[in-house]
């Protein structure tokens, strides 16, 4: 979307996001995941369509843009319409 930045904040996000917030891990080719919690110095993220989660350094994580959130929701809806378990 115009005006939305996709650059990571060099200081990292200001606060720990709420559970389920869509985040982008810039250290893993902008991989999108749901925030699941804090694991020591790392944040736990889980793929939107399910699967194994991963841990990321908070400074390398940013909130997903509106466009990225919409894309993730469409992927989720399509998976459910195919009967895939998420």
C-alpha atoms as a PDB file:
ATOM      1  CA  UNK A   1       0.000   0.000   0.000  1.00  0.00           C
ATOM      2  CA  UNK A   2       1.268   3.483  -0.674  1.00  0.00           C
ATOM      3  CA  UNK A   3       2.811   5.089   2.347  1.00  0.00           C
ATOM      4  CA  UNK A   4       3.338   1.809   4.209  1.00  0.00           C
ATOM      5  CA  UNK A   5       6.919   1.013   5.013  1.00  0.00           C
ATOM      6  CA  UNK A   6       8.290  -2.492   4.713  1.00  0.00           C
ATOM      7  CA  UNK A   7      11.671  -1.677   6.224  1.00  0.00           C
ATOM      8  CA  UNK A   8      12.423  -3.187   9.634  1.00  0.00           C
ATOM      9  CA  UNK A   9      12.686  -0.797  12.525  1.00  0.00           C
ATOM     10  CA  UNK A  10      16.387  -0.826  13.509  1.00  0.00           C
ATOM     11  CA  UNK A  11      15.363  -0.650  17.174  1.00  0.00           C
ATOM     12  CA  UNK A  12      12.729  -3.364  16.765  1.00  0.00           C
ATOM     13  CA  UNK A  13       9.051  -3.083  17.633  1.00  0.00           C
ATOM     14  CA  UNK A  14       8.202  -0.812  20.560  1.00  0.00           C
ATOM     15  CA  UNK A  15       6.266  -3.423  22.527  1.00  0.00           C
ATOM     16  CA  UNK A  16       5.457  -7.118  22.540  1.00  0.00           C
ATOM     17  CA  UNK A  17       2.499  -7.674  20.181  1.00  0.00           C
ATOM     18  CA  UNK A  18      -0.682  -9.426  21.225  1.00  0.00           C
ATOM     19  CA  UNK A  19      -1.112 -13.138  20.579  1.00  0.00           C
ATOM     20  CA  UNK A  20      -2.155 -13.785  16.954  1.00  0.00           C
ATOM     21  CA  UNK A  21      -0.801 -10.517  15.530  1.00  0.00           C
ATOM     22  CA  UNK A  22       0.556 -11.014  12.019  1.00  0.00           C
ATOM     23  CA  UNK A  23       4.261 -10.253  11.907  1.00  0.00           C
ATOM     24  CA  UNK A  24       6.985 -10.370   9.252  1.00  0.00           C
ATOM     25  CA  UNK A  25      10.408 -11.852  10.021  1.00  0.00           C
ATOM     26  CA  UNK A  26      12.795  -9.761   7.928  1.00  0.00           C
ATOM     27  CA  UNK A  27      15.706 -12.092   8.717  1.00  0.00           C
ATOM     28  CA  UNK A  28      13.919 -14.930   6.859  1.00  0.00           C
ATOM     29  CA  UNK A  29      13.060 -13.320   3.521  1.00  0.00           C
ATOM     30  CA  UNK A  30      10.034 -11.482   4.946  1.00  0.00           C
ATOM     31  CA  UNK A  31       8.373 -14.661   6.159  1.00  0.00           C
ATOM     32  CA  UNK A  32       4.886 -13.980   7.541  1.00  0.00           C
ATOM     33  CA  UNK A  33       3.729 -15.560  10.780  1.00  0.00           C
ATOM     34  CA  UNK A  34       1.375 -15.181  13.723  1.00  0.00           C
ATOM     35  CA  UNK A  35       2.914 -14.011  16.966  1.00  0.00           C
ATOM     36  CA  UNK A  36       2.598 -16.833  19.515  1.00  0.00           C
ATOM     37  CA  UNK A  37       4.569 -15.555  22.476  1.00  0.00           C
ATOM     38  CA  UNK A  38       7.955 -14.815  23.969  1.00  0.00           C
ATOM     39  CA  UNK A  39      10.558 -17.572  24.304  1.00  0.00           C
ATOM     40  CA  UNK A  40      13.510 -16.186  26.231  1.00  0.00           C
ATOM     41  CA  UNK A  41      15.065 -13.408  24.152  1.00  0.00           C
ATOM     42  CA  UNK A  42      13.142 -14.493  21.029  1.00  0.00           C
ATOM     43  CA  UNK A  43       9.602 -14.175  19.736  1.00  0.00           C
ATOM     44  CA  UNK A  44       7.782 -17.308  18.629  1.00  0.00           C
ATOM     45  CA  UNK A  45       6.032 -17.117  15.271  1.00  0.00           C
ATOM     46  CA  UNK A  46       3.866 -19.673  13.487  1.00  0.00           C
ATOM     47  CA  UNK A  47       3.007 -19.863   9.773  1.00  0.00           C
ATOM     48  CA  UNK A  48      -0.483 -18.574   8.982  1.00  0.00           C
ATOM     49  CA  UNK A  49      -1.485 -21.801   7.221  1.00  0.00           C
ATOM     50  CA  UNK A  50      -0.148 -23.967  10.043  1.00  0.00           C
ATOM     51  CA  UNK A  51       3.038 -25.940  10.358  1.00  0.00           C
ATOM     52  CA  UNK A  52       6.134 -25.716  12.465  1.00  0.00           C
ATOM     53  CA  UNK A  53       6.794 -22.415  14.138  1.00  0.00           C
ATOM     54  CA  UNK A  54      10.105 -20.650  14.532  1.00  0.00           C
ATOM     55  CA  UNK A  55      11.818 -18.178  16.794  1.00  0.00           C
ATOM     56  CA  UNK A  56      12.953 -14.748  15.648  1.00  0.00           C
ATOM     57  CA  UNK A  57      14.914 -11.898  17.137  1.00  0.00           C
ATOM     58  CA  UNK A  58      12.487  -9.071  17.995  1.00  0.00           C
ATOM     59  CA  UNK A  59      14.670  -6.484  16.236  1.00  0.00           C
ATOM     60  CA  UNK A  60      14.214  -8.390  12.952  1.00  0.00           C
ATOM     61  CA  UNK A  61      10.414  -8.541  13.215  1.00  0.00           C
ATOM     62  CA  UNK A  62       7.905  -5.956  12.062  1.00  0.00           C
ATOM     63  CA  UNK A  63       4.132  -5.795  11.943  1.00  0.00           C
ATOM     64  CA  UNK A  64       2.584  -6.950   8.688  1.00  0.00           C
ATOM     65  CA  UNK A  65       1.241  -4.263   6.392  1.00  0.00           C
ATOM     66  CA  UNK A  66      -2.449  -4.123   5.569  1.00  0.00           C
ATOM     67  CA  UNK A  67      -1.745  -5.700   2.176  1.00  0.00           C
ATOM     68  CA  UNK A  68       0.204  -8.572   3.795  1.00  0.00           C
ATOM     69  CA  UNK A  69      -2.572  -9.168   6.350  1.00  0.00           C
ATOM     70  CA  UNK A  70      -5.224  -9.291   3.602  1.00  0.00           C
ATOM     71  CA  UNK A  71      -3.135 -11.730   1.554  1.00  0.00           C
ATOM     72  CA  UNK A  72      -2.711 -13.986   4.598  1.00  0.00           C
ATOM     73  CA  UNK A  73      -6.456 -13.963   5.310  1.00  0.00           C
ATOM     74  CA  UNK A  74      -7.245 -14.906   1.700  1.00  0.00           C
ATOM     75  CA  UNK A  75      -4.754 -17.785   1.903  1.00  0.00           C
ATOM     76  CA  UNK A  76      -6.402 -18.950   5.128  1.00  0.00           C
ATOM     77  CA  UNK A  77      -9.917 -18.790   3.620  1.00  0.00           C
ATOM     78  CA  UNK A  78      -8.814 -20.666   0.504  1.00  0.00           C
ATOM     79  CA  UNK A  79      -7.183 -23.401   2.591  1.00  0.00           C
ATOM     80  CA  UNK A  80     -10.369 -23.821   4.638  1.00  0.00           C
ATOM     81  CA  UNK A  81     -12.489 -24.003   1.472  1.00  0.00           C
ATOM     82  CA  UNK A  82     -10.290 -26.892   0.303  1.00  0.00           C
ATOM     83  CA  UNK A  83     -10.821 -28.657   3.620  1.00  0.00           C
ATOM     84  CA  UNK A  84      -7.262 -28.227   4.829  1.00  0.00           C
ATOM     85  CA  UNK A  85      -6.837 -28.280   8.588  1.00  0.00           C
ATOM     86  CA  UNK A  86      -5.047 -25.225   9.919  1.00  0.00           C
END
